[in-house]
C-alpha cells in the first residue's frame, strides 16, 4: 500500500504498477512518538504523518512539497529509516504551460524512482484503465472545506448531518478531467503531459498562487452549509476562512484541531449543533417519536416531561407539567458518571414535586454526558437547548454567554429562539468554570467567597496568562508578593471577561438585543461586572441561569408531546 498526503499525487501512476494507494489520514490520540524527534511547532498533520511512520502504518510514502512542514516531515521521516520507499514530489504552484511541462517531468522521475525501487515495469494499459469518470450528484449538500480532515472526523460529520456531505478539502473532491481513450494513442511524453495537465486542472488548493477558481465552491447553489476545518499552525486555510466568512450566505461552522482525537467530544457537540441549526432540532430522528405507552398517559390530561443537562460539573434537571410550567428543578454535582448522576438528579426532582418517574412521558437529554444517559428519549446539544431555555426566560435575549465547567459558548439567536450562529473556545480550560475552581483552590477560598471578594478590589492587577497552569503560577507569585487577595481575584475576573468578551465580539453586532449569561458562573458577581464592562452592555441574569440547558431540553420534550394538539 502506497500512502499519500495530497490530491495532486499521481495515484493512477502507481496503479500502473498494480499498487493500491490510500490517503494517510491517521488521527492519533497524541504525538508521543513524533514529539520526541519533531519540533514542537510543527503542524499537527505533519506530526501525525511522522507518528504513523514510527508506528509502522506507512512504509511506502509519497509526500508533496506543498509547504515547509512537508519538507520538514520528509527530512524527519528519511532520518528514521522506517520507510522502504519515501519520495518528495515537486509540485508547481502555477498551472501554466511551462509548469505543466515541469510537473510532467516530475511525474516521470517518480515513475523511474518507483521502477528502480520495486523492480516492476510500468504498465500503460493498466494506468489508463485506472481513470474513472465521476459526475457530481446535483442535490443539496453540506461542504467540508479547508485543510484535510481525518477519516474519523469525516465519519463523525457524515453520521451527524442528515444532509449529503461532500468532502471538498485539500485531499477531497479529487476529480480528473481525462479521457482514457485519447491517452491510448499518445506517446509517453504526450501522455504524461496530459496527465500533468489533468492533475493541475483540479479545483486548486489554497496553496496555489492562483486560487480564484475556489470561489465556485462557495457560489454553488446546492451548497447549504459549510464546515470549515483548519489545523493549528497551518496559516493557509486560516487566511481563506477569514476572506470568505464575510461574503458567504450559507451557515458556516469553523472547527480547528491539532489533528489528534483528543477533542472528539467537543467537536461532536459543535457538529451536532450545526446540524440542528441547519435542519432544525425537532424530528431529527423519526424513530424518536412518542411511544404508545406515553400517548396513553397523555390522554389522562395530567403528565410531565423532563430535561436533563449532564455537564462536567453538575447534572441539572427541570420537570414541566402538561401546561409547560416548571414544576420541579434539581442541581447536583456530577459524580461517578453521567448515567448515575442523571438518575440521582431525576429521582430527587421527582421526589421534590411528589410524583412518580412513571408519570414522566418524555425525557430529553443534553450536555456532554447526554450520549451516556440511557433513560433519555431524545438527545439535543446544549447549544440548541440553552437557546431554547434563554428565549423562554427572556424573549428579548439575542446573545447568550454560557460559561460551563469545561468550555465557553457564545450563542446568537433570533426572535424565535433559534440558533443563528455560535462559537466555542477550544479544548483549553482557560476562562471556564474549572479555571475558576482551580484559582479558588489556589487562594484557599470557596467559589462563593471568590464571587464576592473580588468586588472589594483597589489595585488593578493584570493576570497576563490565561493558561490555567501558568495563571496558577502567576497567582502563587502574587500571593508571595503580599498582594491583596481581592485585587488578585479582580485580575482573574478581568482576564476571564477578556477571553469571553472576545469570543462574544466575534459573533458580530448584527443581532441587536439583550445579552444573557447562563451556567453556574452566572452566580459570580465579579465576573458579571467585568464582563459587562468588556461588552459595554448589561447582562440579563435570572435565578434559573444554571438550569437553562435542562430547561431548554424539557421544552423540546414538551413541544414534541404537544405537536399534534
Protein backbone atom coordinates (compact mmCIF):
# COMPACT_ATOMS: atom_id res chain seq x y z
CA UNK A 1 0.00 0.00 0.00
CA UNK A 2 1.34 3.40 -1.02
CA UNK A 3 0.21 6.28 1.19
CA UNK A 4 -0.02 9.87 0.02
CA UNK A 5 -1.00 13.24 1.53
CA UNK A 6 -2.11 15.47 -1.37
CA UNK A 7 -4.75 15.28 -4.12
CA UNK A 8 -2.12 16.29 -6.69
CA UNK A 9 -0.30 12.98 -6.08
CA UNK A 10 -0.38 10.88 -9.30
CA UNK A 11 -2.03 7.84 -7.73
CA UNK A 12 -3.06 6.48 -11.18
CA UNK A 13 0.66 6.17 -11.91
CA UNK A 14 1.05 3.64 -9.12
CA UNK A 15 -1.96 1.71 -10.34
CA UNK A 16 0.10 1.27 -13.49
CA UNK A 17 2.41 -0.76 -11.27
CA UNK A 18 -0.51 -2.71 -9.81
CA UNK A 19 -0.24 -0.90 -6.47
CA UNK A 20 -3.11 0.43 -4.35
CA UNK A 21 -2.98 3.92 -2.82
CA UNK A 22 -4.61 5.49 0.23
CA UNK A 23 -4.60 8.92 1.81
CA UNK A 24 -2.58 8.93 5.02
CA UNK A 25 -5.14 10.34 7.45
CA UNK A 26 -4.27 8.86 10.80
CA UNK A 27 -5.58 10.98 13.69
CA UNK A 28 -3.64 9.64 16.70
CA UNK A 29 -4.60 10.14 20.34
CA UNK A 30 -1.35 12.02 20.91
CA UNK A 31 2.04 12.72 19.36
CA UNK A 32 4.04 10.90 21.99
CA UNK A 33 6.45 9.35 19.48
CA UNK A 34 6.67 12.14 16.92
CA UNK A 35 7.21 14.81 19.62
CA UNK A 36 10.48 13.09 20.51
CA UNK A 37 12.01 13.85 17.11
CA UNK A 38 9.94 16.73 15.65
CA UNK A 39 9.88 20.43 16.52
CA UNK A 40 7.13 21.44 18.96
CA UNK A 41 5.63 23.93 16.49
CA UNK A 42 5.40 21.54 13.56
CA UNK A 43 1.76 21.35 12.42
CA UNK A 44 -0.39 18.57 13.83
CA UNK A 45 -0.81 16.88 10.46
CA UNK A 46 2.94 16.75 9.95
CA UNK A 47 3.31 15.14 13.36
CA UNK A 48 0.55 12.64 12.52
CA UNK A 49 2.46 11.57 9.40
CA UNK A 50 5.64 11.04 11.42
CA UNK A 51 3.66 9.19 14.11
CA UNK A 52 2.12 6.85 11.52
CA UNK A 53 5.54 6.05 10.07
CA UNK A 54 7.04 5.39 13.52
CA UNK A 55 4.10 3.11 14.36
CA UNK A 56 4.72 1.12 11.16
CA UNK A 57 1.46 2.15 9.49
CA UNK A 58 3.07 3.60 6.35
CA UNK A 59 6.18 2.06 4.84
CA UNK A 60 5.70 3.44 1.31
CA UNK A 61 5.03 7.18 1.35
CA UNK A 62 4.82 9.89 -1.28
CA UNK A 63 4.92 13.47 0.03
CA UNK A 64 4.42 16.71 -1.87
CA UNK A 65 6.49 19.84 -1.21
CA UNK A 66 3.37 21.98 -0.84
CA UNK A 67 4.62 23.73 2.30
CA UNK A 68 7.57 23.99 4.66
CA UNK A 69 6.00 21.50 7.06
CA UNK A 70 6.02 18.75 4.46
CA UNK A 71 9.67 19.47 3.71
CA UNK A 72 10.49 19.08 7.40
CA UNK A 73 8.40 15.92 7.60
CA UNK A 74 10.31 14.44 4.67
CA UNK A 75 13.67 15.11 6.35
CA UNK A 76 12.49 13.66 9.68
CA UNK A 77 10.91 10.55 8.14
CA UNK A 78 14.01 9.98 6.00
CA UNK A 79 16.21 10.13 9.11
CA UNK A 80 14.16 7.37 10.80
CA UNK A 81 14.83 4.83 8.05
CA UNK A 82 11.34 3.43 8.67
CA UNK A 83 10.06 3.89 5.09
CA UNK A 84 11.01 1.40 2.41
CA UNK A 85 10.02 3.90 -0.26
CA UNK A 86 9.93 7.62 0.50
CA UNK A 87 9.61 10.25 -2.19
CA UNK A 88 9.10 14.01 -2.27
CA UNK A 89 7.18 15.10 -5.37
CA UNK A 90 7.96 18.57 -6.68
CA UNK A 91 4.61 20.32 -7.15
CA UNK A 92 4.39 23.61 -9.09
CA UNK A 93 2.23 26.38 -7.67
CA UNK A 94 1.08 27.54 -11.10
CA UNK A 95 -0.84 25.75 -13.86
CA UNK A 96 0.62 27.49 -16.93
CA UNK A 97 2.12 25.56 -19.85
CA UNK A 98 5.68 25.84 -18.58
CA UNK A 99 4.75 24.44 -15.15
CA UNK A 100 2.75 21.61 -16.72
CA UNK A 101 5.85 20.53 -18.61
CA UNK A 102 7.89 20.68 -15.38
CA UNK A 103 5.27 18.67 -13.50
CA UNK A 104 5.15 16.05 -16.26
CA UNK A 105 8.91 15.67 -15.82
CA UNK A 106 8.48 15.35 -12.03
CA UNK A 107 5.89 12.59 -12.55
CA UNK A 108 8.23 10.73 -14.89
CA UNK A 109 11.05 10.94 -12.35
CA UNK A 110 8.68 9.48 -9.73
CA UNK A 111 7.87 6.66 -12.15
CA UNK A 112 11.54 5.92 -12.70
CA UNK A 113 12.24 6.01 -8.95
CA UNK A 114 9.48 3.52 -8.26
CA UNK A 115 10.64 1.26 -11.08
CA UNK A 116 14.12 1.22 -9.56
CA UNK A 117 12.73 0.53 -6.07
CA UNK A 118 10.10 -2.08 -6.95
CA UNK A 119 11.86 -3.68 -9.92
CA UNK A 120 8.46 -3.65 -11.65
CA UNK A 121 7.64 -2.36 -15.09
CA UNK A 122 5.09 0.38 -15.60
CA UNK A 123 2.01 -0.91 -17.50
CA UNK A 124 0.48 1.80 -19.68
CA UNK A 125 -2.79 -0.09 -20.23
CA UNK A 126 -3.32 -0.64 -16.52
CA UNK A 127 -2.53 3.03 -15.91
CA UNK A 128 -5.12 4.21 -18.46
CA UNK A 129 -7.81 1.84 -17.14
CA UNK A 130 -7.43 3.34 -13.65
CA UNK A 131 -9.06 6.61 -14.70
CA UNK A 132 -12.71 6.85 -13.78
CA UNK A 133 -15.23 9.48 -14.71
CA UNK A 134 -17.41 10.70 -11.87
CA UNK A 135 -20.35 13.07 -12.08
CA UNK A 136 -21.25 15.16 -9.06
CA UNK A 137 -24.78 14.43 -7.91
CA UNK A 138 -26.94 17.54 -8.04
CA UNK A 139 -28.69 17.75 -4.68
CA UNK A 140 -28.42 19.92 -1.55
CA UNK A 141 -25.27 19.20 0.44
CA UNK A 142 -23.00 20.38 3.22
CA UNK A 143 -19.46 21.11 2.05
CA UNK A 144 -16.47 20.24 4.23
CA UNK A 145 -13.80 22.75 3.21
CA UNK A 146 -10.38 23.87 4.32
CA UNK A 147 -7.47 21.65 5.21
CA UNK A 148 -7.65 17.85 5.17
CA UNK A 149 -9.92 16.01 7.60
CA UNK A 150 -9.17 12.59 9.00
CA UNK A 151 -11.42 9.64 8.25
CA UNK A 152 -12.57 9.72 11.88
CA UNK A 153 -13.65 13.35 11.63
CA UNK A 154 -15.23 12.90 8.20
CA UNK A 155 -17.27 9.94 9.50
CA UNK A 156 -18.33 11.99 12.53
CA UNK A 157 -19.59 14.75 10.26
CA UNK A 158 -21.35 12.32 7.92
CA UNK A 159 -23.02 10.43 10.79
CA UNK A 160 -24.40 13.60 12.39
CA UNK A 161 -25.52 15.58 9.34
CA UNK A 162 -28.73 14.30 7.80
CA UNK A 163 -27.98 16.06 4.51
CA UNK A 164 -25.48 14.83 1.92
CA UNK A 165 -21.88 15.73 2.86
CA UNK A 166 -19.20 16.42 0.25
CA UNK A 167 -15.52 16.42 1.22
CA UNK A 168 -14.01 19.41 -0.61
CA UNK A 169 -10.87 19.75 1.50
CA UNK A 170 -7.35 19.69 0.09
CA UNK A 171 -7.45 15.88 -0.15
CA UNK A 172 -11.16 15.52 -1.02
CA UNK A 173 -13.04 16.09 -4.24
CA UNK A 174 -10.29 14.60 -6.40
CA UNK A 175 -11.66 14.70 -9.95
CA UNK A 176 -9.53 14.47 -13.11
CA UNK A 177 -10.86 15.57 -16.49
CA UNK A 178 -9.07 12.92 -18.55
CA UNK A 179 -10.38 10.89 -21.49
CA UNK A 180 -8.59 7.50 -21.35
CA UNK A 181 -9.34 6.70 -24.99
CA UNK A 182 -7.39 9.79 -26.07
CA UNK A 183 -4.40 8.80 -23.93
CA UNK A 184 -4.20 5.36 -25.55
CA UNK A 185 -2.89 6.79 -28.83
CA UNK A 186 -0.39 9.18 -27.20
CA UNK A 187 3.31 8.52 -26.83
CA UNK A 188 4.68 8.58 -23.30
CA UNK A 189 5.76 12.24 -23.40
CA UNK A 190 2.35 13.42 -24.56
CA UNK A 191 0.56 11.08 -22.14
CA UNK A 192 2.39 12.37 -19.08
CA UNK A 193 1.91 15.96 -20.21
CA UNK A 194 -1.85 15.33 -20.49
CA UNK A 195 -1.75 13.66 -17.06
CA UNK A 196 0.08 16.64 -15.51
CA UNK A 197 -2.46 18.96 -17.13
CA UNK A 198 -5.36 16.98 -15.63
CA UNK A 199 -3.83 16.96 -12.14
CA UNK A 200 -3.15 20.70 -12.17
CA UNK A 201 -6.59 21.46 -13.63
CA UNK A 202 -8.35 20.22 -10.48
CA UNK A 203 -10.07 22.68 -8.19
CA UNK A 204 -6.94 24.45 -6.89
CA UNK A 205 -5.95 24.12 -3.29
CA UNK A 206 -5.37 27.38 -1.44
CA UNK A 207 -1.60 26.92 -1.66
CA UNK A 208 -1.70 27.51 -5.41
CA UNK A 209 -0.68 31.03 -6.46
CA UNK A 210 -3.94 31.45 -8.37
CA UNK A 211 -6.77 30.00 -6.32
CA UNK A 212 -9.58 32.30 -7.51
CA UNK A 213 -11.48 29.36 -9.03
CA UNK A 214 -12.18 28.23 -5.46
CA UNK A 215 -14.99 30.80 -5.46
CA UNK A 216 -17.02 28.20 -7.36
CA UNK A 217 -17.13 26.14 -4.16
CA UNK A 218 -18.87 28.90 -2.23
CA UNK A 219 -21.19 30.01 -5.04
CA UNK A 220 -22.66 26.57 -5.76
CA UNK A 221 -26.48 26.94 -5.39
CA UNK A 222 -26.70 23.39 -4.00
CA UNK A 223 -24.36 24.26 -1.13
CA UNK A 224 -26.47 24.68 2.02
CA UNK A 225 -23.76 24.99 4.65
CA UNK A 226 -20.00 24.87 5.18
CA UNK A 227 -17.95 23.12 7.83
CA UNK A 228 -14.53 24.73 7.53
CA UNK A 229 -11.60 22.83 9.05
CA UNK A 230 -8.22 24.30 9.95
CA UNK A 231 -5.23 22.83 11.76
CA UNK A 232 -3.22 24.69 14.36
CA UNK A 233 -0.05 26.26 12.93
CA UNK A 234 -1.44 25.98 9.38
CA UNK A 235 -1.99 29.55 8.20
CA UNK A 236 -3.01 28.96 4.58
CA UNK A 237 -6.58 27.92 5.18
CA UNK A 238 -6.95 30.28 8.12
CA UNK A 239 -6.44 33.09 5.60
CA UNK A 240 -9.07 31.66 3.28
CA UNK A 241 -11.58 31.29 6.11
CA UNK A 242 -11.06 34.93 7.06
CA UNK A 243 -11.65 36.02 3.47
CA UNK A 244 -14.87 34.06 2.86
CA UNK A 245 -16.75 34.34 6.16
CA UNK A 246 -17.87 37.89 5.40
CA UNK A 247 -19.27 37.11 1.97
CA UNK A 248 -20.98 33.72 2.04
CA UNK A 249 -24.74 33.46 2.51
CA UNK A 250 -24.93 29.94 3.95
CA UNK A 251 -24.37 28.82 7.57
CA UNK A 252 -20.69 28.41 8.40
CA UNK A 253 -19.02 26.38 11.16
CA UNK A 254 -15.28 26.67 11.72
CA UNK A 255 -13.55 23.86 13.56
CA UNK A 256 -9.86 23.78 14.39
CA UNK A 257 -8.00 20.70 15.51
CA UNK A 258 -4.41 19.75 16.27
CA UNK A 259 -5.06 16.54 14.27
CA UNK A 260 -5.42 14.37 17.36
CA UNK A 261 -8.59 12.66 18.56
CA UNK A 262 -8.49 14.33 21.99
CA UNK A 263 -11.15 16.92 21.10
CA UNK A 264 -13.67 14.40 19.77
CA UNK A 265 -16.36 15.19 22.37
CA UNK A 266 -16.26 18.93 21.82
CA UNK A 267 -16.11 18.53 18.03
CA UNK A 268 -19.17 16.28 18.18
CA UNK A 269 -21.10 18.95 20.10
CA UNK A 270 -20.21 21.61 17.52
CA UNK A 271 -21.12 19.40 14.56
CA UNK A 272 -24.43 18.30 16.06
CA UNK A 273 -25.32 21.89 17.00
CA UNK A 274 -24.51 23.00 13.44
CA UNK A 275 -26.75 20.22 12.12
CA UNK A 276 -29.57 21.36 14.42
CA UNK A 277 -29.09 24.95 13.25
CA UNK A 278 -29.45 23.95 9.60
CA UNK A 279 -32.02 21.18 9.78
CA UNK A 280 -33.93 22.02 12.97
CA UNK A 281 -33.69 20.24 16.30
CA UNK A 282 -37.10 18.65 16.13
CA UNK A 283 -37.82 15.41 14.31
CA UNK A 284 -34.15 14.90 13.53
CA UNK A 285 -34.68 11.19 14.02
CA UNK A 286 -38.16 9.86 13.14
CA UNK A 287 -37.55 6.80 15.33
CA UNK A 288 -37.51 9.00 18.44
CA UNK A 289 -41.22 9.71 18.44
CA UNK A 290 -43.84 9.40 21.17
CA UNK A 291 -44.38 5.82 22.31
CA UNK A 292 -47.86 4.30 22.60
CA UNK A 293 -47.40 3.94 26.36
CA UNK A 294 -46.61 7.66 26.65
CA UNK A 295 -49.61 8.59 24.49
CA UNK A 296 -51.95 6.70 26.79
CA UNK A 297 -50.62 8.57 29.82
CA UNK A 298 -51.04 11.87 27.99
CA UNK A 299 -54.71 11.07 27.32
CA UNK A 300 -55.38 11.35 31.07
CA UNK A 301 -54.62 15.06 30.81
CA UNK A 302 -52.04 15.02 33.60
CA UNK A 303 -48.44 14.23 32.64
CA UNK A 304 -44.91 15.57 32.92
CA UNK A 305 -41.80 15.93 30.78
CA UNK A 306 -38.18 16.37 31.87
CA UNK A 307 -34.92 17.78 30.61
CA UNK A 308 -31.57 16.53 31.91
CA UNK A 309 -28.40 18.56 31.37
CA UNK A 310 -25.38 16.35 32.06
CA UNK A 311 -22.40 18.68 32.44
CA UNK A 312 -18.85 18.17 33.61
CA UNK A 313 -19.51 19.95 36.93
CA UNK A 314 -23.21 19.50 37.66
CA UNK A 315 -26.18 17.49 36.44
CA UNK A 316 -29.34 19.58 36.22
CA UNK A 317 -32.97 18.52 35.85
CA UNK A 318 -36.11 20.51 35.01
CA UNK A 319 -39.59 18.96 35.09
CA UNK A 320 -42.51 20.64 33.29
CA UNK A 321 -46.19 19.80 33.60
CA UNK A 322 -48.74 19.30 30.80
CA UNK A 323 -49.14 23.10 30.58
CA UNK A 324 -45.42 23.72 30.06
CA UNK A 325 -44.94 25.20 33.53
CA UNK A 326 -41.88 24.47 35.67
CA UNK A 327 -42.87 22.06 38.47
CA UNK A 328 -39.51 20.96 39.82
CA UNK A 329 -35.78 21.61 39.40
CA UNK A 330 -32.68 19.94 40.76
CA UNK A 331 -28.92 20.56 40.57
CA UNK A 332 -26.45 18.02 41.92
CA UNK A 333 -22.67 17.62 41.39
CA UNK A 334 -21.78 15.28 38.54
CA UNK A 335 -20.17 12.38 40.30
CA UNK A 336 -19.23 8.89 39.21
CA UNK A 337 -20.57 9.00 35.67
CA UNK A 338 -23.26 10.69 33.62
CA UNK A 339 -25.81 7.88 33.96
CA UNK A 340 -25.58 7.64 37.75
CA UNK A 341 -25.74 11.42 38.21
CA UNK A 342 -28.70 11.71 35.84
CA UNK A 343 -30.62 9.03 37.74
CA UNK A 344 -29.91 10.69 41.10
CA UNK A 345 -30.84 14.16 39.91
CA UNK A 346 -34.03 12.98 38.22
CA UNK A 347 -35.07 10.93 41.26
CA UNK A 348 -34.50 13.95 43.53
CA UNK A 349 -36.52 16.24 41.23
CA UNK A 350 -39.37 13.71 41.10
CA UNK A 351 -39.40 13.34 44.87
CA UNK A 352 -39.36 17.12 45.27
CA UNK A 353 -42.58 17.58 43.26
CA UNK A 354 -44.24 14.48 44.74
CA UNK A 355 -44.84 12.42 41.58
CA UNK A 356 -43.63 9.09 40.21
CA UNK A 357 -40.98 8.71 37.50
CA UNK A 358 -43.61 6.75 35.54
CA UNK A 359 -45.61 9.99 35.26
CA UNK A 360 -42.87 11.48 33.03
CA UNK A 361 -43.79 10.70 29.43
CA UNK A 362 -40.73 12.11 27.72
CA UNK A 363 -37.14 12.93 28.69
CA UNK A 364 -34.70 14.90 26.53
CA UNK A 365 -31.01 14.88 27.48
CA UNK A 366 -28.36 17.47 26.73
CA UNK A 367 -24.80 18.33 27.79
CA UNK A 368 -21.54 16.45 27.26
CA UNK A 369 -22.81 13.37 29.06
CA UNK A 370 -26.06 13.14 27.07
CA UNK A 371 -24.87 10.21 24.97
CA UNK A 372 -24.32 8.10 28.09
CA UNK A 373 -27.80 8.52 29.61
CA UNK A 374 -29.95 5.53 28.68
CA UNK A 375 -33.17 6.94 30.14
CA UNK A 376 -33.46 9.74 27.58
CA UNK A 377 -35.97 9.55 24.73
CA UNK A 378 -34.02 12.05 22.63
CA UNK A 379 -30.76 13.99 22.76
CA UNK A 380 -30.15 17.61 21.69
CA UNK A 381 -26.95 19.64 22.04
CA UNK A 382 -26.59 22.09 24.89
CA UNK A 383 -26.12 24.93 22.41
CA UNK A 384 -29.62 24.49 21.00
CA UNK A 385 -31.08 23.80 24.46
CA UNK A 386 -29.52 26.91 26.00
CA UNK A 387 -31.00 28.95 23.16
CA UNK A 388 -34.44 27.43 23.80
CA UNK A 389 -34.25 27.97 27.55
CA UNK A 390 -32.96 31.53 27.28
CA UNK A 391 -35.74 32.51 24.87
CA UNK A 392 -38.32 31.06 27.28
CA UNK A 393 -36.87 33.06 30.19
CA UNK A 394 -36.46 36.30 28.23
CA UNK A 395 -37.71 36.62 24.61
CA UNK A 396 -35.65 39.80 24.16
CA UNK A 397 -32.34 37.96 24.52
CA UNK A 398 -30.32 37.71 21.28
CA UNK A 399 -26.88 36.73 22.58
CA UNK A 400 -26.23 34.06 25.18
CA UNK A 401 -22.93 33.66 27.01
CA UNK A 402 -22.57 30.30 28.71
CA UNK A 403 -19.54 29.67 30.91
CA UNK A 404 -19.63 26.00 31.76
CA UNK A 405 -17.32 23.71 33.67
CA UNK A 406 -15.11 22.92 30.69
CA UNK A 407 -15.99 25.34 27.91
CA UNK A 408 -17.27 28.77 26.95
CA UNK A 409 -20.00 29.34 24.40
CA UNK A 410 -21.29 32.49 22.74
CA UNK A 411 -24.63 31.85 21.02
CA UNK A 412 -26.59 34.18 18.75
CA UNK A 413 -30.35 33.55 18.48
CA UNK A 414 -33.23 35.06 16.53
CA UNK A 415 -36.61 36.32 17.72
CA UNK A 416 -37.94 32.74 17.83
CA UNK A 417 -35.09 31.39 19.95
CA UNK A 418 -33.44 29.53 17.05
CA UNK A 419 -29.63 29.47 16.89
CA UNK A 420 -28.25 31.63 14.08
CA UNK A 421 -24.57 31.34 14.99
CA UNK A 422 -22.39 30.07 17.82
CA UNK A 423 -18.75 29.99 18.87
CA UNK A 424 -16.93 27.87 21.43
CA UNK A 425 -13.48 28.02 22.96
CA UNK A 426 -11.01 25.30 22.05
CA UNK A 427 -10.12 22.43 24.37
CA UNK A 428 -8.08 24.73 26.65
CA UNK A 429 -9.75 25.22 30.06
CA UNK A 430 -8.85 28.92 30.24
CA UNK A 431 -11.77 31.08 31.37
CA UNK A 432 -14.06 28.16 32.20
CA UNK A 433 -15.67 27.20 35.46
CA UNK A 434 -12.87 24.68 36.00
CA UNK A 435 -10.34 27.52 35.69
CA UNK A 436 -12.15 29.48 38.39
CA UNK A 437 -12.33 26.40 40.64
CA UNK A 438 -8.57 25.93 40.40
CA UNK A 439 -7.89 29.60 41.13
CA UNK A 440 -10.22 29.50 44.16
CA UNK A 441 -8.42 26.39 45.44
CA UNK A 442 -5.06 28.10 44.96
CA UNK A 443 -6.26 31.07 47.03
CA UNK A 444 -7.83 28.83 49.68
CA UNK A 445 -11.34 30.14 49.01
CA UNK A 446 -14.70 28.66 48.12
CA UNK A 447 -16.29 29.66 44.81
CA UNK A 448 -18.95 31.59 46.76
CA UNK A 449 -16.28 33.59 48.60
CA UNK A 450 -14.38 34.23 45.40
CA UNK A 451 -17.51 35.52 43.61
CA UNK A 452 -17.88 38.44 46.05
CA UNK A 453 -14.41 39.07 47.48
CA UNK A 454 -13.10 40.48 44.20
CA UNK A 455 -15.70 43.27 44.37
CA UNK A 456 -13.60 44.98 47.05
CA UNK A 457 -10.54 45.45 44.82
CA UNK A 458 -8.34 48.57 44.90
CA UNK A 459 -5.25 47.80 42.80
CA UNK A 460 -5.75 46.90 39.14
CA UNK A 461 -3.62 43.74 38.85
CA UNK A 462 -3.20 42.26 35.38
CA UNK A 463 -3.09 38.48 35.10
CA UNK A 464 -1.03 38.15 31.92
CA UNK A 465 -1.52 34.44 31.25
CA UNK A 466 -4.87 32.77 30.55
CA UNK A 467 -3.35 29.28 30.55
CA UNK A 468 -4.70 27.56 33.66
CA UNK A 469 -1.29 26.19 34.67
CA UNK A 470 0.62 29.43 34.09
CA UNK A 471 -2.12 31.55 35.65
CA UNK A 472 -1.97 29.41 38.79
CA UNK A 473 1.79 30.01 38.99
CA UNK A 474 1.19 33.72 38.50
CA UNK A 475 -1.38 33.77 41.32
CA UNK A 476 1.03 31.93 43.64
CA UNK A 477 3.69 34.52 42.81
CA UNK A 478 1.28 37.41 43.53
CA UNK A 479 0.35 35.87 46.89
CA UNK A 480 4.07 35.61 47.70
CA UNK A 481 4.37 39.34 46.93
CA UNK A 482 1.69 40.01 49.59
CA UNK A 483 -0.76 41.34 47.01
CA UNK A 484 -4.29 41.79 48.31
CA UNK A 485 -6.45 38.74 47.57
CA UNK A 486 -9.35 40.93 46.41
CA UNK A 487 -7.05 42.58 43.85
CA UNK A 488 -5.84 39.19 42.59
CA UNK A 489 -9.42 37.96 42.20
CA UNK A 490 -10.35 41.12 40.32
CA UNK A 491 -7.41 40.49 37.96
CA UNK A 492 -8.66 36.95 37.37
CA UNK A 493 -12.20 38.20 36.75
CA UNK A 494 -10.96 40.71 34.16
CA UNK A 495 -8.85 38.05 32.42
CA UNK A 496 -11.86 35.72 32.16
CA UNK A 497 -14.06 38.58 30.94
CA UNK A 498 -11.48 39.47 28.28
CA UNK A 499 -11.50 35.94 26.87
CA UNK A 500 -15.28 35.59 27.00
CA UNK A 501 -15.85 39.10 25.64
CA UNK A 502 -13.53 38.43 22.70
CA UNK A 503 -15.50 35.29 21.87
CA UNK A 504 -18.80 37.19 22.01
CA UNK A 505 -17.36 40.00 19.88
CA UNK A 506 -16.51 37.50 17.13
CA UNK A 507 -20.24 36.85 16.70
CA UNK A 508 -20.51 40.42 15.43
CA UNK A 509 -23.12 43.06 16.21
CA UNK A 510 -25.63 42.13 13.53
CA UNK A 511 -28.06 40.80 16.11
CA UNK A 512 -29.26 43.64 18.40
CA UNK A 513 -30.96 42.66 21.62
CA UNK A 514 -30.17 41.76 25.20
CA UNK A 515 -27.27 39.68 26.48
CA UNK A 516 -27.94 36.80 28.83
CA UNK A 517 -25.46 34.81 30.87
CA UNK A 518 -26.16 31.17 31.66
CA UNK A 519 -24.32 28.44 33.53
CA UNK A 520 -23.09 28.26 37.11
CA UNK A 521 -20.62 31.14 36.66
CA UNK A 522 -23.64 33.47 36.28
CA UNK A 523 -23.70 33.47 40.10
CA UNK A 524 -20.27 35.15 40.18
CA UNK A 525 -20.93 38.88 40.53
CA UNK A 526 -17.28 39.77 39.95
CA UNK A 527 -17.26 38.04 36.56
CA UNK A 528 -20.60 39.67 35.67
CA UNK A 529 -19.29 43.17 36.45
CA UNK A 530 -16.06 42.63 34.49
CA UNK A 531 -17.89 41.12 31.53
CA UNK A 532 -20.48 43.91 31.40
CA UNK A 533 -17.62 46.41 31.25
CA UNK A 534 -15.96 44.50 28.38
CA UNK A 535 -19.22 44.17 26.43
CA UNK A 536 -20.42 47.67 27.14
CA UNK A 537 -23.85 46.21 27.89
CA UNK A 538 -25.89 44.84 30.77
CA UNK A 539 -26.23 41.09 31.21
CA UNK A 540 -29.64 39.59 31.94
CA UNK A 541 -29.19 37.26 34.92
CA UNK A 542 -32.01 35.17 36.35
CA UNK A 543 -32.36 32.60 39.11
CA UNK A 544 -32.68 29.80 36.55
CA UNK A 545 -29.39 30.70 34.78
CA UNK A 546 -27.70 27.41 35.68
CA UNK A 547 -30.79 25.45 34.66
CA UNK A 548 -31.06 26.99 31.20
CA UNK A 549 -29.81 23.91 29.32
CA UNK A 550 -32.06 21.49 31.22
CA UNK A 551 -35.00 23.89 30.77
CA UNK A 552 -34.42 24.01 27.01
CA UNK A 553 -34.28 20.21 26.87
CA UNK A 554 -37.55 19.97 28.83
CA UNK A 555 -39.19 22.49 26.47
CA UNK A 556 -38.19 20.36 23.47
CA UNK A 557 -39.74 17.35 25.19
CA UNK A 558 -42.91 19.35 25.87
CA UNK A 559 -43.18 20.60 22.28
CA UNK A 560 -42.80 17.06 20.98
CA UNK A 561 -45.70 15.93 23.16
CA UNK A 562 -47.96 18.83 22.15
CA UNK A 563 -47.02 18.88 18.46
CA UNK A 564 -50.28 17.22 17.40
CA UNK A 565 -52.58 19.38 19.51
